[in-house]
Amino acid sequence: MATAFNVELSMSESPDRAQARAADAFTAPASAVGLRLTKRGAGELTYRPLVQWPFLLVLWRNLTGEKMTVKFEPVAGGATHVTITGAVARAKHLLATDPGHWTDALDGSAV
């Protein structure tokens, strides 16, 4: 089963700019925890398991609930509060819960 995680970050940019930058910047960090960007919404990015061989592994990862959602909320002063929630394989949990793993890509700071 996937193990849940939650990380909160702050960025000095507006939510729209922060989301656009995060969509590109999170490619490598998300891949490191076994996820890829699948959907862009208003104030939200959605990640699902990487497509790989064997395909049954991808199916298993979807069934166990591996996923990630990144939400962007405005804060006073034009800054953005970023909340990363999701669930990953137990072996990737320590990496996913490390705020530095995500802030290094964004040049943000942990809350």
N, C-alpha and C. Protein backbone atom coordinates (compact mmCIF):
# COMPACT_ATOMS: atom_id res chain seq x y z
N MET A 1 0.83 -1.19 0.00
CA MET A 1 0.00 0.00 0.00
C MET A 1 0.87 1.25 0.00
N ALA A 2 0.35 2.30 -0.58
CA ALA A 2 1.05 3.58 -0.63
C ALA A 2 0.99 4.25 0.74
N THR A 3 2.04 5.00 1.05
CA THR A 3 2.14 5.70 2.32
C THR A 3 1.92 7.19 2.08
N ALA A 4 1.02 7.79 2.86
CA ALA A 4 0.65 9.20 2.66
C ALA A 4 1.75 10.15 3.14
N PHE A 5 1.79 11.32 2.49
CA PHE A 5 2.72 12.36 2.90
C PHE A 5 2.10 13.73 2.67
N ASN A 6 2.65 14.74 3.34
CA ASN A 6 2.17 16.11 3.22
C ASN A 6 3.37 17.04 3.44
N VAL A 7 3.60 17.95 2.51
CA VAL A 7 4.69 18.93 2.61
C VAL A 7 4.12 20.30 2.28
N GLU A 8 4.50 21.32 3.06
CA GLU A 8 4.04 22.67 2.81
C GLU A 8 5.23 23.57 2.53
N LEU A 9 5.10 24.40 1.49
CA LEU A 9 6.15 25.31 1.07
C LEU A 9 5.57 26.70 0.88
N SER A 10 6.46 27.69 0.79
CA SER A 10 6.02 29.04 0.44
C SER A 10 6.91 29.57 -0.67
N MET A 11 6.29 30.36 -1.54
CA MET A 11 7.01 30.97 -2.66
C MET A 11 6.65 32.45 -2.69
N SER A 12 7.58 33.27 -3.16
CA SER A 12 7.36 34.71 -3.19
C SER A 12 6.58 35.17 -4.42
N GLU A 13 6.29 34.26 -5.35
CA GLU A 13 5.58 34.60 -6.59
C GLU A 13 4.07 34.48 -6.42
N SER A 14 3.36 34.99 -7.41
CA SER A 14 1.90 34.86 -7.41
C SER A 14 1.55 33.39 -7.68
N PRO A 15 0.35 32.95 -7.28
CA PRO A 15 -0.03 31.55 -7.49
C PRO A 15 0.06 31.08 -8.95
N ASP A 16 -0.34 31.91 -9.90
CA ASP A 16 -0.28 31.52 -11.31
C ASP A 16 1.16 31.29 -11.77
N ARG A 17 2.03 32.22 -11.42
CA ARG A 17 3.44 32.08 -11.80
C ARG A 17 4.09 30.91 -11.08
N ALA A 18 3.75 30.73 -9.81
CA ALA A 18 4.31 29.63 -9.04
C ALA A 18 3.89 28.28 -9.63
N GLN A 19 2.63 28.19 -10.04
CA GLN A 19 2.14 26.95 -10.64
C GLN A 19 2.82 26.67 -11.97
N ALA A 20 2.98 27.68 -12.79
CA ALA A 20 3.63 27.49 -14.09
C ALA A 20 5.08 27.05 -13.91
N ARG A 21 5.77 27.65 -12.94
CA ARG A 21 7.16 27.27 -12.70
C ARG A 21 7.26 25.87 -12.10
N ALA A 22 6.35 25.55 -11.18
CA ALA A 22 6.38 24.23 -10.54
C ALA A 22 6.09 23.11 -11.52
N ALA A 23 5.23 23.36 -12.50
CA ALA A 23 4.90 22.33 -13.49
C ALA A 23 6.17 21.85 -14.20
N ASP A 24 7.09 22.76 -14.48
CA ASP A 24 8.36 22.39 -15.11
C ASP A 24 9.38 21.91 -14.09
N ALA A 25 9.47 22.62 -12.98
CA ALA A 25 10.51 22.33 -11.98
C ALA A 25 10.31 21.00 -11.26
N PHE A 26 9.06 20.54 -11.15
CA PHE A 26 8.80 19.30 -10.42
C PHE A 26 8.95 18.04 -11.28
N THR A 27 9.35 18.17 -12.52
CA THR A 27 9.50 17.01 -13.39
C THR A 27 10.47 15.99 -12.79
N ALA A 28 11.66 16.43 -12.45
CA ALA A 28 12.67 15.51 -11.89
C ALA A 28 12.34 15.05 -10.47
N PRO A 29 11.95 15.94 -9.54
CA PRO A 29 11.62 15.48 -8.20
C PRO A 29 10.43 14.51 -8.17
N ALA A 30 9.42 14.77 -9.01
CA ALA A 30 8.27 13.87 -9.06
C ALA A 30 8.68 12.51 -9.64
N SER A 31 9.51 12.54 -10.66
CA SER A 31 9.99 11.29 -11.25
C SER A 31 10.80 10.47 -10.25
N ALA A 32 11.54 11.17 -9.39
CA ALA A 32 12.34 10.48 -8.37
C ALA A 32 11.48 9.71 -7.38
N VAL A 33 10.24 10.15 -7.17
CA VAL A 33 9.34 9.42 -6.28
C VAL A 33 8.36 8.56 -7.07
N GLY A 34 8.58 8.46 -8.39
CA GLY A 34 7.78 7.56 -9.23
C GLY A 34 6.51 8.13 -9.80
N LEU A 35 6.43 9.47 -9.93
CA LEU A 35 5.21 10.09 -10.42
C LEU A 35 5.49 11.00 -11.61
N ARG A 36 4.43 11.32 -12.36
CA ARG A 36 4.53 12.23 -13.50
C ARG A 36 3.29 13.11 -13.53
N LEU A 37 3.44 14.31 -14.09
CA LEU A 37 2.33 15.26 -14.20
C LEU A 37 1.30 14.72 -15.19
N THR A 38 0.04 14.65 -14.76
CA THR A 38 -1.02 14.16 -15.63
C THR A 38 -2.13 15.17 -15.88
N LYS A 39 -2.24 16.18 -14.99
CA LYS A 39 -3.35 17.13 -15.15
C LYS A 39 -2.97 18.48 -14.54
N ARG A 40 -3.32 19.53 -15.26
CA ARG A 40 -3.14 20.89 -14.77
C ARG A 40 -4.52 21.51 -14.61
N GLY A 41 -4.82 22.00 -13.43
CA GLY A 41 -6.10 22.65 -13.19
C GLY A 41 -5.86 24.04 -12.62
N ALA A 42 -6.94 24.73 -12.31
CA ALA A 42 -6.82 26.06 -11.72
C ALA A 42 -6.29 25.93 -10.29
N GLY A 43 -5.06 26.36 -10.09
CA GLY A 43 -4.46 26.31 -8.75
C GLY A 43 -4.06 24.92 -8.30
N GLU A 44 -3.92 23.97 -9.23
CA GLU A 44 -3.64 22.59 -8.83
C GLU A 44 -2.94 21.81 -9.93
N LEU A 45 -1.98 20.98 -9.53
CA LEU A 45 -1.31 20.04 -10.42
C LEU A 45 -1.56 18.64 -9.87
N THR A 46 -1.83 17.69 -10.76
CA THR A 46 -2.09 16.31 -10.34
C THR A 46 -1.04 15.39 -10.95
N TYR A 47 -0.51 14.50 -10.13
CA TYR A 47 0.52 13.56 -10.56
C TYR A 47 0.04 12.13 -10.32
N ARG A 48 0.41 11.24 -11.24
CA ARG A 48 0.08 9.80 -11.17
C ARG A 48 1.35 9.00 -11.42
N PRO A 49 1.31 7.69 -11.22
CA PRO A 49 2.51 6.86 -11.43
C PRO A 49 3.05 6.94 -12.85
N LEU A 50 4.37 6.83 -12.95
CA LEU A 50 5.05 6.80 -14.24
C LEU A 50 4.60 5.59 -15.04
N VAL A 51 4.48 5.76 -16.34
CA VAL A 51 4.17 4.63 -17.21
C VAL A 51 5.50 3.92 -17.49
N GLN A 52 5.55 2.65 -17.19
CA GLN A 52 6.78 1.88 -17.36
C GLN A 52 6.45 0.43 -17.63
N TRP A 53 7.47 -0.32 -17.92
CA TRP A 53 7.32 -1.74 -18.19
C TRP A 53 7.71 -2.51 -16.95
N PRO A 54 7.05 -3.49 -16.49
CA PRO A 54 5.81 -4.07 -17.04
C PRO A 54 4.60 -3.23 -16.66
N PHE A 55 3.64 -3.20 -17.55
CA PHE A 55 2.46 -2.38 -17.36
C PHE A 55 1.67 -2.80 -16.11
N LEU A 56 1.75 -4.05 -15.73
CA LEU A 56 1.05 -4.50 -14.52
C LEU A 56 1.55 -3.77 -13.28
N LEU A 57 2.82 -3.37 -13.29
CA LEU A 57 3.36 -2.61 -12.18
C LEU A 57 2.67 -1.25 -12.08
N VAL A 58 2.43 -0.61 -13.21
CA VAL A 58 1.72 0.67 -13.23
C VAL A 58 0.30 0.49 -12.70
N LEU A 59 -0.35 -0.55 -13.14
CA LEU A 59 -1.70 -0.85 -12.66
C LEU A 59 -1.70 -1.06 -11.15
N TRP A 60 -0.74 -1.81 -10.66
CA TRP A 60 -0.64 -2.06 -9.22
C TRP A 60 -0.45 -0.74 -8.46
N ARG A 61 0.41 0.12 -8.95
CA ARG A 61 0.68 1.39 -8.28
C ARG A 61 -0.55 2.28 -8.27
N ASN A 62 -1.34 2.24 -9.33
CA ASN A 62 -2.60 2.99 -9.35
C ASN A 62 -3.60 2.41 -8.35
N LEU A 63 -3.69 1.10 -8.28
CA LEU A 63 -4.62 0.46 -7.36
C LEU A 63 -4.26 0.68 -5.90
N THR A 64 -2.97 0.79 -5.60
CA THR A 64 -2.56 1.01 -4.21
C THR A 64 -2.67 2.47 -3.80
N GLY A 65 -2.96 3.36 -4.75
CA GLY A 65 -3.24 4.76 -4.41
C GLY A 65 -2.07 5.70 -4.52
N GLU A 66 -1.05 5.36 -5.29
CA GLU A 66 0.07 6.28 -5.47
C GLU A 66 -0.38 7.45 -6.33
N LYS A 67 -0.23 8.66 -5.79
CA LYS A 67 -0.62 9.88 -6.49
C LYS A 67 -0.09 11.07 -5.71
N MET A 68 -0.19 12.25 -6.31
CA MET A 68 0.23 13.47 -5.63
C MET A 68 -0.55 14.64 -6.20
N THR A 69 -0.93 15.56 -5.33
CA THR A 69 -1.61 16.79 -5.72
C THR A 69 -0.84 17.97 -5.15
N VAL A 70 -0.60 18.96 -5.97
CA VAL A 70 0.09 20.18 -5.55
C VAL A 70 -0.91 21.33 -5.69
N LYS A 71 -1.20 22.01 -4.57
CA LYS A 71 -2.16 23.12 -4.59
C LYS A 71 -1.44 24.43 -4.31
N PHE A 72 -1.89 25.48 -4.99
CA PHE A 72 -1.29 26.81 -4.90
C PHE A 72 -2.35 27.78 -4.39
N GLU A 73 -2.09 28.38 -3.22
CA GLU A 73 -3.05 29.31 -2.62
C GLU A 73 -2.38 30.65 -2.36
N PRO A 74 -3.07 31.75 -2.68
CA PRO A 74 -2.47 33.07 -2.45
C PRO A 74 -2.36 33.39 -0.97
N VAL A 75 -1.32 34.15 -0.65
CA VAL A 75 -1.07 34.62 0.71
C VAL A 75 -0.87 36.12 0.63
N ALA A 76 -1.08 36.82 1.73
CA ALA A 76 -0.91 38.27 1.75
C ALA A 76 0.46 38.67 1.22
N GLY A 77 0.50 39.75 0.49
CA GLY A 77 1.76 40.25 -0.05
C GLY A 77 2.12 39.67 -1.40
N GLY A 78 1.21 38.96 -2.03
CA GLY A 78 1.46 38.41 -3.36
C GLY A 78 2.23 37.10 -3.36
N ALA A 79 2.45 36.52 -2.20
CA ALA A 79 3.18 35.24 -2.11
C ALA A 79 2.21 34.08 -2.32
N THR A 80 2.76 32.87 -2.33
CA THR A 80 1.96 31.67 -2.56
C THR A 80 2.28 30.61 -1.53
N HIS A 81 1.24 29.98 -1.01
CA HIS A 81 1.38 28.83 -0.11
C HIS A 81 1.17 27.58 -0.97
N VAL A 82 2.17 26.69 -0.98
CA VAL A 82 2.11 25.48 -1.80
C VAL A 82 1.95 24.28 -0.88
N THR A 83 0.93 23.47 -1.13
CA THR A 83 0.69 22.26 -0.35
C THR A 83 0.83 21.05 -1.26
N ILE A 84 1.73 20.17 -0.89
CA ILE A 84 1.95 18.94 -1.65
C ILE A 84 1.45 17.78 -0.81
N THR A 85 0.41 17.09 -1.29
CA THR A 85 -0.13 15.94 -0.58
C THR A 85 -0.19 14.75 -1.53
N GLY A 86 -0.12 13.58 -0.97
CA GLY A 86 -0.21 12.40 -1.80
C GLY A 86 0.18 11.15 -1.06
N ALA A 87 0.46 10.12 -1.84
CA ALA A 87 0.87 8.84 -1.29
C ALA A 87 1.82 8.20 -2.30
N VAL A 88 2.91 7.64 -1.79
CA VAL A 88 3.91 7.00 -2.62
C VAL A 88 4.29 5.66 -2.02
N ALA A 89 5.06 4.88 -2.77
CA ALA A 89 5.54 3.60 -2.28
C ALA A 89 6.37 3.82 -1.02
N ARG A 90 6.34 2.86 -0.12
CA ARG A 90 7.06 2.98 1.14
C ARG A 90 8.54 3.30 0.93
N ALA A 91 9.15 2.74 -0.10
CA ALA A 91 10.57 2.97 -0.37
C ALA A 91 10.85 4.42 -0.76
N LYS A 92 9.87 5.13 -1.28
CA LYS A 92 10.04 6.52 -1.72
C LYS A 92 9.50 7.53 -0.72
N HIS A 93 8.92 7.07 0.38
CA HIS A 93 8.26 7.94 1.35
C HIS A 93 9.21 8.94 1.99
N LEU A 94 10.39 8.51 2.38
CA LEU A 94 11.35 9.40 3.03
C LEU A 94 11.74 10.55 2.10
N LEU A 95 11.95 10.26 0.84
CA LEU A 95 12.28 11.29 -0.14
C LEU A 95 11.11 12.24 -0.35
N ALA A 96 9.91 11.71 -0.45
CA ALA A 96 8.72 12.54 -0.70
C ALA A 96 8.43 13.48 0.47
N THR A 97 8.73 13.09 1.69
CA THR A 97 8.45 13.92 2.86
C THR A 97 9.54 14.94 3.14
N ASP A 98 10.64 14.89 2.42
CA ASP A 98 11.74 15.83 2.61
C ASP A 98 11.42 17.16 1.93
N PRO A 99 11.19 18.24 2.69
CA PRO A 99 10.88 19.53 2.06
C PRO A 99 11.99 20.00 1.13
N GLY A 100 13.23 19.68 1.43
CA GLY A 100 14.35 20.09 0.59
C GLY A 100 14.29 19.48 -0.80
N HIS A 101 13.73 18.30 -0.89
CA HIS A 101 13.58 17.64 -2.20
C HIS A 101 12.74 18.51 -3.13
N TRP A 102 11.74 19.16 -2.59
CA TRP A 102 10.83 19.99 -3.40
C TRP A 102 11.31 21.43 -3.49
N THR A 103 11.83 22.00 -2.40
CA THR A 103 12.26 23.40 -2.42
C THR A 103 13.49 23.62 -3.29
N ASP A 104 14.35 22.62 -3.42
CA ASP A 104 15.51 22.77 -4.28
C ASP A 104 15.10 23.04 -5.73
N ALA A 105 14.03 22.42 -6.16
CA ALA A 105 13.55 22.61 -7.53
C ALA A 105 12.87 23.97 -7.72
N LEU A 106 12.24 24.48 -6.67
CA LEU A 106 11.46 25.71 -6.78
C LEU A 106 12.17 26.96 -6.27
N ASP A 107 13.25 26.80 -5.57
CA ASP A 107 13.88 27.92 -4.86
C ASP A 107 12.90 28.56 -3.89
N GLY A 108 12.07 27.72 -3.28
CA GLY A 108 11.11 28.19 -2.28
C GLY A 108 11.65 27.89 -0.90
N SER A 109 10.79 27.97 0.09
CA SER A 109 11.20 27.64 1.45
C SER A 109 10.12 26.80 2.11
N ALA A 110 10.54 25.95 3.04
CA ALA A 110 9.60 25.10 3.76
C ALA A 110 8.84 25.94 4.77
N VAL A 111 7.58 25.59 4.99
CA VAL A 111 6.76 26.31 5.96
C VAL A 111 6.93 25.65 7.31
